[in-house]
Amino acid sequence: MITDTRSQGFGMEVKRRIMLGTYVLSSGYYEAYYGKALKSRKLIFDTYKNIFANHDFLFLPTSPTPAFRLGEKMNNPISMYLSDLFTTSANLANIPAISLPVGKSQDGFPIGMQLQANHFEEDKLLSFSKLLLNN
């Protein structure tokens, strides 16, 4: 069942990221990568803590580019990773974030912006998101 789920239930990009994570956590690379990643994560966490001491939300791009066609960048993993660049900090800091559609590119592809809030402020985040989308 696990083999079927992992081979049929996940796309190529998810499989690629699982393999990369497995490699990084392997015994020979654990301290070289994971230890440094934990230190970086703490720095990101502390930076957000300082920001939210004075601000309720951060409003940032979701991606460095507008959306692209489904499957368009599958042969370019670096491009795929870069499209997640602006959303990973919220995950690393364990803060709530939501991506909102704010318009379309000249080619008609959606442009997203993300709204990030402080820890345990999901209600404020969702209420403000609804307000933004209704105006």
Foldseek 3Di string as FASTA:
>chain_A
DVVCCVVPVDDPLVNVVVVVVVVCCPPVNVCVPVVVLVVVLVVLLVVVVVVQVPDFKDKFWQAPDFDDDVPPCVVPNVNVVRRRVVVVSCVSNVWDKDWDFDDADPVGGTTIMMMTGGPPVVVVRVVVRVVVVVD
